Amino acid sequence: MVVALDGWVDGGEASTGAAEFLRRKLRARKMAEMPVDPFHIYQVPGQLSLRPHSRVEDGLLKEYLPPRNVFSYWVNPLHEQDVVLFQGTEPNMNWPDYASALLEVAQEYDVARIYMLGGVLDKTPHTREPVVSCVCTSADVRDELSRYGIGTIDYEGPGGIRTALVSQCRRVGIEMAILHVRATYYPEFNVVIPHNPKAIRSLVRQLNALLRLGIDTSELDSQVQDYEGRLAHMTQQNHEFRSYIEELEKDYEETGFVDGPGLSAHDAIRAAEDFLRGSSPPDG
């Protein structure tokens, strides 16, 4: 199951953007919807994003879109790992019930692992690949993800619905990992990228490898080129901004994307033996 929520930890629309890209490319089909009324408050001061989206043209209401919590599914024709995709709105209240509803669907469909997406605003230079880090239910899951180039997080402070869901998953025995990507934010220059294709691509690449989706991401590559081009123009025009980016690049530790883990020594030996016997090597 892949879970993406808008709201607090969706910097650069990394979470919702990645999920929408997956839904569209996989042509995932809607299977269920969770009501918003028990979990959401529209009128939260300073949080316009929680209100229904409206569009008015020439004095006429053309569009009214309240928040939605939608489950979709995709059957993988090549591998055993099918996908349940949940796109929702971060709940304002009744977190335990919200998490329980998600896990009820996960258990109904024998979900082996939940990946929850997030984007954190960070001084990541736009010239570098955004780092993806994880919070996991177990050391085994954490160690597996490390072989894909996914780092870990150290944090102490206010928790959100993501950590609440990790806690419930540990209690019921479902594996879960939060995948956080760093989304570029330059507060000194008041530069916020509302829709960050580079952060979105980082999450999509990881899920593409982890779930063996076989998705073509060239569409995102084109968007990233345009994004980098616009910021490169700003860098050329502003000496102070260029110096700022160069300093960020010096301090930034980039973790390269790994398209799947390498074979362990044991599996490498077994693969060689299978090859010599004329059989197929194990998946790596």
Protein backbone atom coordinates (compact mmCIF):
# COMPACT_ATOMS: atom_id res chain seq x y z
CA MET A 1 0.00 0.00 0.00
CA VAL A 2 1.20 3.50 -0.86
CA VAL A 3 -0.27 6.31 1.25
CA ALA A 4 -0.06 10.00 0.35
CA LEU A 5 -1.66 12.82 2.31
CA ASP A 6 -1.73 16.53 1.66
CA GLY A 7 -1.26 18.93 4.55
CA TRP A 8 1.63 19.41 6.96
CA VAL A 9 4.34 17.14 5.50
CA ASP A 10 3.75 17.60 1.77
CA GLY A 11 6.49 20.08 0.93
CA GLY A 12 6.73 20.72 -2.79
CA GLU A 13 3.65 18.52 -3.19
CA ALA A 14 6.15 15.67 -3.13
CA SER A 15 3.76 13.22 -1.48
CA THR A 16 0.57 14.07 -3.37
CA GLY A 17 2.44 14.72 -6.62
CA ALA A 18 4.16 11.33 -6.53
CA ALA A 19 0.90 9.53 -5.72
CA GLU A 20 -1.00 11.30 -8.49
CA PHE A 21 1.76 10.44 -10.96
CA LEU A 22 1.58 6.78 -9.92
CA ARG A 23 -2.20 6.70 -10.14
CA ARG A 24 -2.17 8.17 -13.63
CA LYS A 25 0.70 6.12 -15.04
CA LEU A 26 -0.57 2.84 -13.55
CA ARG A 27 -4.18 3.68 -14.47
CA ALA A 28 -5.15 2.61 -10.96
CA ARG A 29 -8.88 1.97 -10.53
CA LYS A 30 -10.92 3.39 -7.67
CA MET A 31 -12.05 0.74 -5.19
CA ALA A 32 -13.35 2.63 -2.14
CA GLU A 33 -13.67 6.03 -0.49
CA MET A 34 -13.43 7.00 3.17
CA PRO A 35 -15.78 9.80 4.34
CA VAL A 36 -14.13 13.09 5.35
CA ASP A 37 -16.70 14.28 7.90
CA PRO A 38 -15.40 12.31 10.94
CA PHE A 39 -11.83 13.50 10.41
CA HIS A 40 -11.70 16.97 8.89
CA ILE A 41 -12.44 20.56 9.87
CA TYR A 42 -12.68 23.00 6.97
CA GLN A 43 -12.44 26.20 9.00
CA VAL A 44 -8.93 26.07 10.47
CA PRO A 45 -7.39 29.58 10.80
CA GLY A 46 -4.53 30.10 8.37
CA GLN A 47 -5.05 26.77 6.61
CA LEU A 48 -6.82 27.60 3.36
CA SER A 49 -5.64 24.33 1.81
CA LEU A 50 -8.07 22.43 4.03
CA ARG A 51 -11.10 24.11 2.50
CA PRO A 52 -12.90 22.77 -0.58
CA HIS A 53 -11.38 23.93 -3.87
CA SER A 54 -13.73 26.19 -5.82
CA ARG A 55 -13.56 27.66 -9.32
CA VAL A 56 -15.83 30.49 -10.48
CA GLU A 57 -15.92 31.83 -14.04
CA ASP A 58 -17.94 34.86 -15.08
CA GLY A 59 -19.98 34.71 -11.90
CA LEU A 60 -20.86 31.03 -12.28
CA LEU A 61 -19.63 28.18 -10.08
CA LYS A 62 -17.78 25.76 -12.34
CA GLU A 63 -16.06 23.51 -9.84
CA TYR A 64 -16.44 22.57 -6.17
CA LEU A 65 -14.07 19.89 -4.91
CA PRO A 66 -14.22 18.98 -1.21
CA PRO A 67 -11.36 16.96 0.35
CA ARG A 68 -11.45 13.26 -0.47
CA ASN A 69 -9.92 10.05 0.84
CA VAL A 70 -9.78 7.59 -2.05
CA PHE A 71 -8.46 4.04 -2.33
CA SER A 72 -7.37 2.77 -5.75
CA TYR A 73 -5.74 -0.46 -6.86
CA TRP A 74 -3.41 -1.76 -9.55
CA VAL A 75 -2.73 -5.40 -10.41
CA ASN A 76 0.91 -5.97 -11.35
CA PRO A 77 0.99 -8.16 -14.47
CA LEU A 78 4.67 -9.08 -14.09
CA HIS A 79 5.24 -9.60 -10.36
CA GLU A 80 3.33 -10.71 -7.28
CA GLN A 81 3.31 -7.25 -5.70
CA ASP A 82 0.00 -5.55 -6.49
CA VAL A 83 -0.58 -2.03 -5.14
CA VAL A 84 -3.31 -0.36 -3.12
CA LEU A 85 -2.98 3.42 -3.43
CA PHE A 86 -4.53 5.78 -0.87
CA GLN A 87 -4.73 9.51 -1.64
CA GLY A 88 -6.19 11.54 1.19
CA THR A 89 -6.26 14.65 3.31
CA GLU A 90 -4.40 14.82 6.60
CA PRO A 91 -7.00 14.44 9.37
CA ASN A 92 -7.60 17.23 11.89
CA MET A 93 -9.11 14.91 14.48
CA ASN A 94 -9.79 11.27 15.39
CA TRP A 95 -6.34 10.11 14.34
CA PRO A 96 -6.73 6.62 15.87
CA ASP A 97 -9.94 6.00 13.91
CA TYR A 98 -8.38 7.33 10.70
CA ALA A 99 -5.37 5.05 11.10
CA SER A 100 -7.60 2.10 12.02
CA ALA A 101 -9.68 2.61 8.87
CA LEU A 102 -6.53 2.55 6.74
CA LEU A 103 -5.23 -0.57 8.44
CA GLU A 104 -8.60 -2.29 8.12
CA VAL A 105 -8.33 -1.98 4.33
CA ALA A 106 -4.68 -3.08 4.47
CA GLN A 107 -5.59 -6.21 6.42
CA GLU A 108 -8.60 -6.95 4.19
CA TYR A 109 -6.32 -7.04 1.14
CA ASP A 110 -3.37 -8.77 2.83
CA VAL A 111 -1.06 -5.77 2.42
CA ALA A 112 2.49 -6.87 3.24
CA ARG A 113 3.93 -3.39 3.68
CA ILE A 114 2.78 0.23 3.75
CA TYR A 115 4.86 3.04 2.25
CA MET A 116 3.74 6.49 3.39
CA LEU A 117 5.12 9.46 1.45
CA GLY A 118 6.18 12.86 2.71
CA GLY A 119 8.02 15.99 1.62
CA VAL A 120 9.98 18.15 4.08
CA LEU A 121 11.00 21.70 3.15
CA ASP A 122 14.77 21.87 3.38
CA LYS A 123 17.76 23.88 2.11
CA THR A 124 18.52 21.22 -0.46
CA PRO A 125 20.35 22.84 -3.40
CA HIS A 126 18.27 22.47 -6.54
CA THR A 127 21.42 21.33 -8.36
CA ARG A 128 21.59 18.12 -6.31
CA GLU A 129 19.38 15.05 -6.03
CA PRO A 130 17.01 15.27 -3.03
CA VAL A 131 17.79 12.81 -0.26
CA VAL A 132 15.09 10.28 0.69
CA SER A 133 15.07 9.10 4.32
CA CYS A 134 12.87 6.68 6.22
CA VAL A 135 11.13 5.96 9.50
CA CYS A 136 10.35 2.25 9.85
CA THR A 137 8.50 -0.22 12.02
CA SER A 138 11.53 -2.49 12.35
CA ALA A 139 15.29 -2.68 11.89
CA ASP A 140 14.78 -5.30 9.16
CA VAL A 141 12.73 -2.91 7.03
CA ARG A 142 15.21 -0.08 7.70
CA ASP A 143 18.18 -2.23 6.69
CA GLU A 144 16.43 -3.39 3.51
CA LEU A 145 15.70 0.20 2.47
CA SER A 146 19.29 1.21 3.14
CA ARG A 147 20.31 -1.06 0.26
CA TYR A 148 18.26 1.21 -2.02
CA GLY A 149 20.19 4.27 -0.87
CA ILE A 150 17.47 5.38 1.56
CA GLY A 151 18.85 6.95 4.74
CA THR A 152 17.41 7.24 8.23
CA ILE A 153 15.98 10.05 10.36
CA ASP A 154 16.74 11.21 13.88
CA TYR A 155 13.95 13.35 15.33
CA GLU A 156 12.35 14.31 18.61
CA GLY A 157 9.36 16.64 18.80
CA PRO A 158 5.69 16.89 17.81
CA GLY A 159 4.46 13.84 15.95
CA GLY A 160 1.96 13.65 13.11
CA ILE A 161 -0.48 11.20 11.60
CA ARG A 162 2.45 9.45 9.88
CA THR A 163 4.13 8.46 13.14
CA ALA A 164 0.73 7.60 14.63
CA LEU A 165 0.22 5.15 11.76
CA VAL A 166 3.69 3.65 12.27
CA SER A 167 2.81 3.09 15.93
CA GLN A 168 -0.44 1.30 15.05
CA CYS A 169 1.29 -0.79 12.38
CA ARG A 170 3.80 -2.02 14.96
CA ARG A 171 0.95 -3.09 17.22
CA VAL A 172 -0.89 -5.07 14.54
CA GLY A 173 2.22 -6.50 12.89
CA ILE A 174 2.15 -4.75 9.48
CA GLU A 175 5.47 -3.54 8.08
CA MET A 176 5.57 0.18 7.34
CA ALA A 177 8.05 2.80 6.19
CA ILE A 178 7.63 6.55 5.91
CA LEU A 179 9.64 7.85 2.94
CA HIS A 180 10.54 11.50 3.44
CA VAL A 181 12.15 13.49 0.63
CA ARG A 182 13.85 16.85 1.07
CA ALA A 183 12.06 19.52 -0.99
CA THR A 184 14.08 22.61 -1.91
CA TYR A 185 13.31 25.76 0.07
CA TYR A 186 15.38 28.96 0.16
CA PRO A 187 13.93 31.04 3.03
CA GLU A 188 16.65 33.72 2.83
CA PHE A 189 15.42 34.56 -0.68
CA ASN A 190 11.76 33.76 -0.03
CA VAL A 191 11.89 31.01 -2.66
CA VAL A 192 9.37 28.22 -2.16
CA ILE A 193 8.67 25.75 -4.95
CA PRO A 194 4.97 24.82 -4.54
CA HIS A 195 5.25 21.88 -6.96
CA ASN A 196 8.73 20.36 -6.97
CA PRO A 197 9.19 17.80 -9.78
CA LYS A 198 12.65 16.83 -8.57
CA ALA A 199 11.37 15.82 -5.12
CA ILE A 200 8.44 14.02 -6.74
CA ARG A 201 10.78 12.14 -9.07
CA SER A 202 12.93 11.00 -6.16
CA LEU A 203 9.95 9.37 -4.45
CA VAL A 204 8.65 7.86 -7.69
CA ARG A 205 12.07 6.37 -8.47
CA GLN A 206 12.26 4.73 -5.06
CA LEU A 207 8.78 3.25 -5.32
CA ASN A 208 9.45 2.17 -8.89
CA ALA A 209 12.38 0.09 -7.64
CA LEU A 210 10.87 -1.11 -4.37
CA LEU A 211 7.59 -2.26 -5.92
CA ARG A 212 8.91 -3.28 -9.36
CA LEU A 213 6.40 -1.05 -11.09
CA GLY A 214 8.22 -0.61 -14.39
CA ILE A 215 6.99 2.98 -14.80
CA ASP A 216 8.46 5.29 -17.46
CA THR A 217 9.56 8.46 -15.62
CA SER A 218 10.77 10.43 -18.66
CA GLU A 219 7.83 12.81 -18.22
CA LEU A 220 9.23 13.80 -14.83
CA ASP A 221 12.72 14.12 -16.30
CA SER A 222 11.42 16.80 -18.67
CA GLN A 223 9.73 18.65 -15.81
CA VAL A 224 12.94 18.53 -13.77
CA GLN A 225 14.93 20.03 -16.66
CA ASP A 226 12.49 22.93 -16.88
CA TYR A 227 12.58 23.42 -13.08
CA GLU A 228 16.38 23.43 -13.00
CA GLY A 229 16.52 25.76 -16.00
CA ARG A 230 14.34 28.40 -14.34
CA LEU A 231 16.42 28.36 -11.15
CA ALA A 232 19.66 28.37 -13.16
CA HIS A 233 18.50 31.58 -14.84
CA MET A 234 17.90 33.13 -11.42
CA THR A 235 21.37 31.98 -10.34
CA GLN A 236 22.99 33.63 -13.36
CA GLN A 237 21.17 36.91 -12.79
CA ASN A 238 21.84 37.22 -9.05
CA HIS A 239 25.43 37.01 -7.75
CA GLU A 240 24.30 36.83 -4.11
CA PHE A 241 21.94 33.96 -4.88
CA ARG A 242 24.69 32.15 -6.81
CA SER A 243 27.05 32.39 -3.83
CA TYR A 244 24.28 31.13 -1.56
CA ILE A 245 23.73 28.04 -3.75
CA GLU A 246 27.47 27.34 -3.91
CA GLU A 247 27.69 27.35 -0.10
CA LEU A 248 24.74 24.96 0.16
CA GLU A 249 26.40 22.63 -2.34
CA LYS A 250 29.55 22.45 -0.20
CA ASP A 251 27.63 21.29 2.87
CA TYR A 252 25.15 19.00 1.13
CA GLU A 253 25.71 15.26 1.37
CA GLU A 254 24.07 13.72 -1.66
CA THR A 255 22.94 10.10 -1.55
CA GLY A 256 22.87 8.59 -5.00
CA PHE A 257 19.76 6.71 -6.09
CA VAL A 258 20.25 2.94 -6.09
CA ASP A 259 17.97 1.08 -8.49
CA GLY A 260 17.60 -1.99 -6.29
CA PRO A 261 20.01 -3.69 -3.89
CA GLY A 262 22.99 -5.69 -5.06
CA LEU A 263 23.24 -9.41 -4.41
CA SER A 264 24.60 -10.52 -1.07
CA ALA A 265 27.70 -12.71 -1.10
CA HIS A 266 25.52 -15.78 -0.42
CA ASP A 267 23.12 -14.96 -3.26
CA ALA A 268 26.02 -14.20 -5.62
CA ILE A 269 27.47 -17.68 -5.02
CA ARG A 270 24.04 -19.27 -5.45
CA ALA A 271 23.47 -17.32 -8.67
CA ALA A 272 26.78 -18.58 -10.08
CA GLU A 273 25.93 -22.17 -9.14
CA ASP A 274 22.47 -21.89 -10.71
CA PHE A 275 23.97 -20.40 -13.87
CA LEU A 276 26.47 -23.26 -14.17
CA ARG A 277 23.60 -25.72 -13.77
CA GLY A 278 21.66 -23.88 -16.47
CA SER A 279 18.87 -22.60 -14.22
CA SER A 280 17.68 -19.03 -13.68
CA PRO A 281 19.47 -16.86 -11.11
CA PRO A 282 17.55 -15.43 -8.14
CA ASP A 283 16.01 -11.99 -8.33
CA GLY A 284 18.44 -9.31 -7.14
